[in-house]
Amino acid sequence: MTPTLLTTVGCEQDFHASVAKLVAAPTEYPFSNAAVEFCAELSQALFRAGMKDRPEVHALAYWCRSSEVTRLKSSFAELATDQTILAPRGTVFHIPPVNVETLFLYGWLYSILCGNRNVVRISSRSSSLTTELCAIVGEVLSRHAELARINMAIRYGHDDQLTAELSASCDVRIVWGGDETVRALRRVPMVPTARDICFPDRYSYSIIAAAVYIASSEEQKRVLARAFYNDCYWFDQMACSSPRLIAWCGSDDESQAASKIFYNLLASEVAAHQYSTEAAMHSNRLLYSSGLIVDQAVDGYETYGTELAVLRLNNLSTLVREHCGGGLLLSVNVPELSSLKEIVQRRDQTLTYYGFDHQQIQEFAHVLNGCGIDRIVPIGQALTFNRYWDGYDLLQELTRRIWVQ
């Protein structure tokens, strides 16, 4: 497939010449006025796009608004010292996933703010939303020539030669995808001074203090169900930070009572948002659930409407982390928060929670001591992207420190 240049302004007709021109161009200073203004304009353009049925686009627009970028700039300034200068790493090659359409822009915007040149590979299988987002970015870039000359998005299919060429030209390669994608791309060489930032398959789950939930007001319960819906059902539960399991913390009686209320309220949220999946996903969910019933310690299978299925586990010893998405939740009762430690693995990414205070969460993180889980956030913030992701600080990863003595 011939590569298609999506967002460069005044680029060469020849693709290879365009890449060479971009790589040869000087980088920008981190958090330059142009980069900060670009993010603010992009935020306004995304809001104006009127995608009312795409809340993830509104979340992206809110994330890159002027006030948030100003806060990020202040955080970045704190990384520098009298003896260290922060500078761009150079050229960043982004390889984003197909299933989470807005994700490519978060990494791209962080890199733009850090002053890097950027080449973003857009898959030939990408959705119409991705194409529309690229068009919006391109339109805003057209008013920022200094950024347009060092930023491009390219659509192409599987092309090992082209990927190798771009990898050989970059200083940082950011890879989002499954384990096999990461393994394959790590075999593609880069220059010795370059580095990979990889985001492979991950698994995420939630924990709710049953007694606290039961004692919550009806409004608090409804708000929590709405927040969990956003975490779980955006991107059909296939985002790396979307919860696939809920652990109910407390006695069995408390957990059973709390979970029944919660799943019924969640089903109401699903219906209110008119979420629906294709028949193929329904069949896949049923087939996948049948396999789990055979392989895991399952006490029961419950459905709440057509788009929420719950598999109740009696313990976590046989937990399988592969998941079909589309509204399937595993549910288990645990006596205390620390009970989760026995199942935590390095591939576990996000734990969302409700009913625990800050000290309890911090103590649990210390108990884990790096064996897994890179993010612990309240329910409703599973998909909220920030500089700390998968154990990386992206502001640090996308800049280099120059030591001056």
Protein backbone atom coordinates (compact mmCIF):
# COMPACT_ATOMS: atom_id res chain seq x y z
CA MET A 1 0.00 0.00 0.00
CA THR A 2 1.39 3.41 -0.98
CA PRO A 3 1.86 5.55 2.16
CA THR A 4 -0.47 8.53 2.46
CA LEU A 5 0.71 11.72 4.14
CA LEU A 6 -2.16 13.00 6.27
CA THR A 7 -1.11 16.08 8.20
CA THR A 8 2.05 17.67 6.80
CA VAL A 9 1.82 21.11 5.25
CA GLY A 10 3.60 21.79 1.97
CA CYS A 11 5.31 18.42 2.05
CA GLU A 12 7.30 16.94 -0.79
CA GLN A 13 5.41 14.77 -3.24
CA ASP A 14 7.91 11.99 -2.63
CA PHE A 15 7.34 10.28 0.71
CA HIS A 16 11.01 9.55 1.32
CA ALA A 17 11.95 13.17 0.66
CA SER A 18 9.30 14.31 3.14
CA VAL A 19 10.70 12.07 5.87
CA ALA A 20 14.27 13.15 5.15
CA LYS A 21 13.23 16.82 5.26
CA LEU A 22 11.46 16.32 8.58
CA VAL A 23 14.39 14.48 10.21
CA ALA A 24 16.83 17.16 9.07
CA ALA A 25 14.74 20.02 10.49
CA PRO A 26 15.70 21.55 13.85
CA THR A 27 13.65 20.58 16.88
CA GLU A 28 11.59 23.05 18.92
CA TYR A 29 12.28 24.10 22.49
CA PRO A 30 10.19 22.19 25.07
CA PHE A 31 6.87 23.87 25.78
CA SER A 32 7.47 26.57 23.19
CA ASN A 33 4.77 29.18 22.73
CA ALA A 34 3.91 27.58 19.39
CA ALA A 35 3.37 24.15 20.97
CA VAL A 36 1.28 25.54 23.83
CA GLU A 37 -0.86 27.60 21.43
CA PHE A 38 -1.25 24.60 19.10
CA CYS A 39 -2.67 22.45 21.93
CA ALA A 40 -5.11 25.19 22.94
CA GLU A 41 -6.32 25.62 19.35
CA LEU A 42 -6.61 21.87 18.88
CA SER A 43 -8.71 21.66 22.05
CA GLN A 44 -11.09 24.30 20.71
CA ALA A 45 -11.25 22.60 17.31
CA LEU A 46 -12.10 19.25 18.90
CA PHE A 47 -14.87 20.83 20.97
CA ARG A 48 -16.25 22.54 17.84
CA ALA A 49 -16.26 19.25 15.94
CA GLY A 50 -19.51 18.43 17.74
CA MET A 51 -18.94 14.72 18.26
CA LYS A 52 -21.57 14.45 20.99
CA ASP A 53 -21.72 10.69 20.61
CA ARG A 54 -17.95 10.35 21.13
CA PRO A 55 -17.21 11.27 24.77
CA GLU A 56 -13.60 10.13 24.35
CA VAL A 57 -13.06 13.01 21.92
CA HIS A 58 -14.46 15.47 24.46
CA ALA A 59 -12.12 13.96 27.07
CA LEU A 60 -9.18 14.53 24.73
CA ALA A 61 -10.25 18.12 24.06
CA TYR A 62 -10.56 18.77 27.79
CA TRP A 63 -7.15 17.21 28.43
CA CYS A 64 -5.27 19.48 25.99
CA ARG A 65 -7.06 22.72 26.91
CA SER A 66 -4.94 25.77 27.68
CA SER A 67 -5.18 25.62 31.50
CA GLU A 68 -4.16 21.94 31.59
CA VAL A 69 -1.16 22.51 29.30
CA THR A 70 -0.10 25.44 31.49
CA ARG A 71 -0.16 23.15 34.53
CA LEU A 72 1.82 20.56 32.59
CA LYS A 73 4.37 23.21 31.64
CA SER A 74 4.86 24.06 35.32
CA SER A 75 5.36 20.38 36.16
CA PHE A 76 7.90 20.09 33.36
CA ALA A 77 9.85 23.10 34.64
CA GLU A 78 10.23 21.37 38.00
CA LEU A 79 12.22 18.56 36.34
CA ALA A 80 15.09 20.91 35.48
CA THR A 81 17.82 21.95 37.92
CA ASP A 82 20.70 24.43 37.86
CA GLN A 83 22.90 21.68 36.50
CA THR A 84 20.51 19.96 34.09
CA ILE A 85 19.02 21.30 30.88
CA LEU A 86 16.01 19.51 29.38
CA ALA A 87 16.09 19.13 25.60
CA PRO A 88 14.09 17.17 22.99
CA ARG A 89 15.27 13.66 22.18
CA GLY A 90 14.96 14.27 18.44
CA THR A 91 12.63 12.28 16.17
CA VAL A 92 9.85 10.16 17.68
CA PHE A 93 8.19 7.40 15.64
CA HIS A 94 4.71 6.62 17.01
CA ILE A 95 2.99 3.29 16.28
CA PRO A 96 -0.43 3.55 17.97
CA PRO A 97 -3.15 0.90 18.35
CA VAL A 98 -6.21 0.63 16.14
CA ASN A 99 -8.81 -0.16 18.81
CA VAL A 100 -8.39 2.99 20.96
CA GLU A 101 -8.80 5.72 18.39
CA THR A 102 -7.85 8.80 20.40
CA LEU A 103 -4.76 7.28 22.02
CA PHE A 104 -2.34 8.27 19.26
CA LEU A 105 -2.96 11.94 19.95
CA TYR A 106 -2.03 11.81 23.63
CA GLY A 107 1.47 10.48 22.98
CA TRP A 108 1.87 12.75 19.96
CA LEU A 109 0.89 15.87 21.92
CA TYR A 110 3.26 15.05 24.79
CA SER A 111 6.04 14.69 22.25
CA ILE A 112 5.14 17.95 20.50
CA LEU A 113 5.17 19.75 23.84
CA CYS A 114 8.62 18.29 24.56
CA GLY A 115 9.87 19.80 21.29
CA ASN A 116 10.43 16.61 19.28
CA ARG A 117 9.95 15.90 15.62
CA ASN A 118 7.18 13.32 15.13
CA VAL A 119 6.18 10.72 12.59
CA VAL A 120 2.89 8.96 13.42
CA ARG A 121 2.01 5.73 11.66
CA ILE A 122 -1.75 5.42 11.10
CA SER A 123 -2.85 1.90 10.25
CA SER A 124 -4.68 1.25 7.01
CA ARG A 125 -7.29 -0.46 9.23
CA SER A 126 -7.92 2.70 11.24
CA SER A 127 -11.47 3.96 11.66
CA SER A 128 -13.19 6.95 10.12
CA LEU A 129 -12.85 8.71 13.49
CA THR A 130 -9.06 8.46 13.29
CA THR A 131 -9.16 9.95 9.80
CA GLU A 132 -11.37 12.78 11.03
CA LEU A 133 -9.05 13.47 13.95
CA CYS A 134 -6.05 13.60 11.61
CA ALA A 135 -7.91 16.10 9.44
CA ILE A 136 -8.58 18.31 12.48
CA VAL A 137 -4.92 18.12 13.53
CA GLY A 138 -3.81 18.94 9.99
CA GLU A 139 -6.08 21.96 9.83
CA VAL A 140 -4.68 23.35 13.10
CA LEU A 141 -1.10 22.54 12.05
CA SER A 142 -1.62 24.58 8.87
CA ARG A 143 -1.59 27.70 11.08
CA HIS A 144 1.69 26.67 12.78
CA ALA A 145 4.33 26.30 10.09
CA GLU A 146 7.14 25.82 12.62
CA LEU A 147 5.36 22.72 13.95
CA ALA A 148 4.03 21.49 10.62
CA ARG A 149 7.55 21.07 9.26
CA ILE A 150 8.44 18.57 12.01
CA ASN A 151 5.16 16.66 12.37
CA MET A 152 3.51 14.22 10.01
CA ALA A 153 1.00 11.39 10.14
CA ILE A 154 1.35 8.61 7.57
CA ARG A 155 -1.22 5.97 6.73
CA TYR A 156 0.09 2.66 5.47
CA GLY A 157 -0.55 -1.06 5.89
CA HIS A 158 1.91 -3.76 6.96
CA ASP A 159 5.15 -2.73 5.27
CA ASP A 160 8.26 -4.05 6.99
CA GLN A 161 10.60 -2.10 4.74
CA LEU A 162 8.87 1.22 5.42
CA THR A 163 8.70 0.55 9.18
CA ALA A 164 12.40 -0.32 9.14
CA GLU A 165 13.21 2.91 7.31
CA LEU A 166 11.28 5.01 9.82
CA SER A 167 12.74 3.09 12.77
CA ALA A 168 16.26 3.72 11.50
CA SER A 169 15.51 7.46 11.35
CA CYS A 170 14.14 7.87 14.88
CA ASP A 171 15.56 8.55 18.32
CA VAL A 172 12.51 7.20 20.17
CA ARG A 173 9.98 4.62 19.00
CA ILE A 174 6.67 4.44 20.86
CA VAL A 175 4.83 1.16 20.29
CA TRP A 176 1.27 0.54 21.43
CA GLY A 177 -0.14 -2.90 20.78
CA GLY A 178 -0.29 -6.53 21.78
CA ASP A 179 2.67 -8.55 22.97
CA GLU A 180 3.28 -9.96 19.49
CA THR A 181 3.34 -6.48 17.97
CA VAL A 182 5.90 -5.37 20.53
CA ARG A 183 8.05 -8.47 19.98
CA ALA A 184 7.96 -8.03 16.21
CA LEU A 185 8.91 -4.36 16.31
CA ARG A 186 11.71 -4.92 18.80
CA ARG A 187 13.34 -7.05 16.11
CA VAL A 188 13.37 -4.03 13.79
CA PRO A 189 16.70 -2.27 14.43
CA MET A 190 17.18 1.34 15.42
CA VAL A 191 20.39 3.34 15.80
CA PRO A 192 22.27 2.40 19.01
CA THR A 193 21.41 5.70 20.72
CA ALA A 194 17.64 5.27 20.14
CA ARG A 195 15.21 3.82 22.65
CA ASP A 196 11.89 1.96 22.62
CA ILE A 197 8.92 2.90 24.79
CA CYS A 198 6.57 -0.06 24.58
CA PHE A 199 3.01 -0.51 25.79
CA PRO A 200 2.15 -4.23 25.38
CA ASP A 201 -0.90 -6.20 26.53
CA ARG A 202 -2.07 -5.13 29.98
CA TYR A 203 -4.80 -6.15 32.42
CA SER A 204 -6.82 -3.89 34.72
CA TYR A 205 -9.38 -4.39 37.47
CA SER A 206 -11.36 -2.65 40.22
CA ILE A 207 -11.90 -3.07 43.94
CA ILE A 208 -14.88 -1.77 45.92
CA ALA A 209 -15.29 -1.74 49.69
CA ALA A 210 -18.68 -3.45 50.02
CA ALA A 211 -19.71 -1.96 53.38
CA VAL A 212 -18.82 1.57 52.27
CA TYR A 213 -20.76 1.07 49.05
CA ILE A 214 -23.86 -0.17 50.88
CA ALA A 215 -23.71 2.85 53.20
CA SER A 216 -23.44 5.27 50.27
CA SER A 217 -26.43 7.37 49.26
CA GLU A 218 -28.56 6.41 46.27
CA GLU A 219 -27.11 9.34 44.35
CA GLN A 220 -23.54 8.24 45.14
CA LYS A 221 -24.37 4.75 43.90
CA ARG A 222 -25.76 6.13 40.63
CA VAL A 223 -22.74 8.38 40.14
CA LEU A 224 -20.41 5.44 40.71
CA ALA A 225 -22.28 3.29 38.17
CA ARG A 226 -21.99 6.10 35.62
CA ALA A 227 -18.28 6.49 36.31
CA PHE A 228 -17.70 2.76 35.99
CA TYR A 229 -19.64 2.70 32.73
CA ASN A 230 -17.22 5.27 31.30
CA ASP A 231 -14.23 3.22 32.45
CA CYS A 232 -15.58 -0.04 31.13
CA TYR A 233 -17.65 0.56 28.01
CA TRP A 234 -15.70 3.19 26.12
CA PHE A 235 -13.69 1.34 23.47
CA ASP A 236 -15.82 -1.79 24.10
CA GLN A 237 -13.82 -2.63 27.26
CA MET A 238 -10.71 -3.23 25.14
CA ALA A 239 -8.59 -0.31 26.36
CA CYS A 240 -5.65 -1.50 28.43
CA SER A 241 -6.96 0.36 31.49
CA SER A 242 -10.58 -0.78 31.19
CA PRO A 243 -11.56 -3.02 34.15
CA ARG A 244 -12.33 -6.65 33.41
CA LEU A 245 -12.73 -7.83 37.02
CA ILE A 246 -14.30 -6.34 40.16
CA ALA A 247 -13.13 -7.51 43.57
CA TRP A 248 -15.67 -6.83 46.32
CA CYS A 249 -13.91 -6.29 49.63
CA GLY A 250 -15.75 -7.38 52.79
CA SER A 251 -17.79 -10.27 54.10
CA ASP A 252 -19.55 -12.55 51.63
CA ASP A 253 -22.98 -11.23 52.66
CA GLU A 254 -21.89 -7.60 52.23
CA SER A 255 -20.26 -8.32 48.89
CA GLN A 256 -23.23 -10.22 47.50
CA ALA A 257 -25.65 -7.48 48.53
CA ALA A 258 -23.46 -4.65 47.26
CA SER A 259 -22.69 -6.29 43.92
CA LYS A 260 -26.36 -7.00 43.15
CA ILE A 261 -27.22 -3.33 43.61
CA PHE A 262 -24.19 -2.20 41.62
CA TYR A 263 -24.70 -4.49 38.61
CA ASN A 264 -28.36 -3.52 38.31
CA LEU A 265 -27.43 0.18 38.37
CA LEU A 266 -24.66 -0.43 35.84
CA ALA A 267 -27.12 -2.19 33.55
CA SER A 268 -29.37 0.89 33.79
CA GLU A 269 -26.44 3.07 32.72
CA VAL A 270 -25.72 0.77 29.80
CA ALA A 271 -29.35 1.05 28.68
CA ALA A 272 -29.41 4.82 29.19
CA HIS A 273 -26.36 5.23 26.97
CA GLN A 274 -27.94 2.91 24.38
CA TYR A 275 -24.77 0.87 24.23
CA SER A 276 -25.06 -2.11 21.92
CA THR A 277 -22.74 -4.56 20.26
CA GLU A 278 -23.00 -6.60 17.11
CA ALA A 279 -24.31 -10.14 17.16
CA ALA A 280 -20.80 -11.48 16.59
CA MET A 281 -19.60 -9.92 19.84
CA HIS A 282 -22.59 -11.39 21.71
CA SER A 283 -21.67 -14.82 20.40
CA ASN A 284 -18.01 -14.31 21.20
CA ARG A 285 -18.86 -13.22 24.75
CA LEU A 286 -20.99 -16.31 25.31
CA LEU A 287 -18.35 -18.60 23.82
CA TYR A 288 -15.59 -16.98 25.86
CA SER A 289 -17.67 -17.19 29.06
CA SER A 290 -18.26 -20.89 28.42
CA GLY A 291 -14.52 -21.44 28.22
CA LEU A 292 -13.93 -19.57 31.47
CA ILE A 293 -16.59 -21.64 33.22
CA VAL A 294 -14.63 -24.75 32.28
CA ASP A 295 -11.20 -23.35 33.19
CA GLN A 296 -11.88 -21.20 36.25
CA ALA A 297 -13.50 -21.54 39.65
CA VAL A 298 -16.88 -20.10 38.60
CA ASP A 299 -19.87 -20.01 40.96
CA GLY A 300 -22.37 -18.51 38.56
CA TYR A 301 -23.09 -16.68 35.32
CA GLU A 302 -25.55 -13.76 35.42
CA THR A 303 -26.88 -11.42 32.76
CA TYR A 304 -28.18 -7.91 33.37
CA GLY A 305 -29.91 -6.89 30.18
CA THR A 306 -28.29 -7.76 26.86
CA GLU A 307 -24.96 -5.92 27.29
CA LEU A 308 -23.72 -6.90 30.75
CA ALA A 309 -22.71 -10.40 31.75
CA VAL A 310 -21.14 -11.26 35.12
CA LEU A 311 -19.13 -14.36 35.90
CA ARG A 312 -18.87 -14.89 39.65
CA LEU A 313 -15.62 -16.51 40.76
CA ASN A 314 -15.18 -18.21 44.13
CA ASN A 315 -11.44 -17.43 44.20
CA LEU A 316 -8.69 -15.85 42.11
CA SER A 317 -6.25 -18.75 41.96
CA THR A 318 -7.14 -19.62 38.35
CA LEU A 319 -7.61 -16.09 37.00
CA VAL A 320 -7.07 -15.93 33.23
CA ARG A 321 -6.15 -12.48 31.91
CA GLU A 322 -7.21 -12.89 28.29
CA HIS A 323 -10.55 -11.18 27.76
CA CYS A 324 -13.16 -10.77 25.04
CA GLY A 325 -14.41 -7.27 26.00
CA GLY A 326 -17.88 -6.03 25.18
CA GLY A 327 -19.43 -6.02 28.65
CA LEU A 328 -18.16 -9.15 30.42
CA LEU A 329 -17.13 -8.70 34.04
CA LEU A 330 -15.56 -11.19 36.40
CA SER A 331 -16.70 -10.71 39.99
CA VAL A 332 -15.07 -12.06 43.14
CA ASN A 333 -15.31 -11.51 46.90
CA VAL A 334 -12.11 -10.85 48.88
CA PRO A 335 -11.76 -10.26 52.64
CA GLU A 336 -9.41 -7.27 52.38
CA LEU A 337 -7.51 -5.07 49.96
CA SER A 338 -4.22 -6.87 50.54
CA SER A 339 -5.84 -10.10 49.27
CA LEU A 340 -5.23 -8.85 45.73
CA LYS A 341 -1.46 -9.06 46.18
CA GLU A 342 -1.47 -12.81 45.56
CA ILE A 343 -2.69 -12.34 41.97
CA VAL A 344 -0.82 -9.19 40.92
CA GLN A 345 1.47 -9.72 37.94
CA ARG A 346 3.85 -7.42 36.09
CA ARG A 347 1.42 -7.08 33.18
CA ASP A 348 -1.30 -5.63 35.46
CA GLN A 349 -1.72 -1.93 34.76
CA THR A 350 -4.60 -0.05 36.43
CA LEU A 351 -6.47 -0.65 39.67
CA THR A 352 -9.54 1.54 40.12
CA TYR A 353 -11.12 1.73 43.55
CA TYR A 354 -14.02 2.98 45.66
CA GLY A 355 -14.42 3.11 49.43
CA PHE A 356 -10.75 3.23 50.46
CA ASP A 357 -8.87 6.24 51.79
CA HIS A 358 -5.57 7.57 50.51
CA GLN A 359 -3.52 5.98 53.27
CA GLN A 360 -4.97 2.52 52.59
CA ILE A 361 -4.18 2.84 48.89
CA GLN A 362 -0.63 4.05 49.55
CA GLU A 363 0.01 1.20 51.98
CA PHE A 364 -1.23 -1.30 49.38
CA ALA A 365 1.08 0.21 46.75
CA HIS A 366 4.02 -0.16 49.15
CA VAL A 367 3.08 -3.78 49.81
CA LEU A 368 3.14 -4.48 46.07
CA ASN A 369 6.67 -3.04 45.90
CA GLY A 370 6.76 -2.98 42.10
CA CYS A 371 5.51 -6.52 41.43
CA GLY A 372 2.71 -5.08 39.29
CA ILE A 373 0.04 -2.35 38.87
CA ASP A 374 1.35 0.98 37.60
CA ARG A 375 -1.74 3.11 38.26
CA ILE A 376 -4.15 3.23 41.21
CA VAL A 377 -6.95 5.74 40.60
CA PRO A 378 -10.59 6.24 41.68
CA ILE A 379 -13.30 4.57 39.62
CA GLY A 380 -14.12 6.93 36.78
CA GLN A 381 -10.49 7.78 36.01
CA ALA A 382 -9.34 4.54 34.38
CA LEU A 383 -9.11 6.16 30.95
CA THR A 384 -7.85 9.56 32.13
CA PHE A 385 -4.48 9.84 30.40
CA ASN A 386 -1.62 11.65 32.09
CA ARG A 387 2.17 11.83 32.02
CA TYR A 388 2.50 8.75 34.26
CA TRP A 389 1.45 5.75 32.19
CA ASP A 390 2.52 2.10 32.43
CA GLY A 391 5.25 3.08 34.86
CA TYR A 392 6.73 5.69 32.52
CA ASP A 393 6.92 9.43 33.12
CA LEU A 394 6.40 10.54 29.52
CA LEU A 395 7.75 14.03 30.12
CA GLN A 396 11.04 12.50 31.21
CA GLU A 397 11.07 9.75 28.59
CA LEU A 398 10.57 12.23 25.74
CA THR A 399 13.34 14.59 26.83
CA ARG A 400 17.05 14.17 27.44
CA ARG A 401 18.96 15.70 30.33
CA ILE A 402 22.08 17.65 29.52
CA TRP A 403 24.43 17.83 32.49
CA VAL A 404 26.13 21.21 32.92
CA GLN A 405 28.78 21.58 35.63
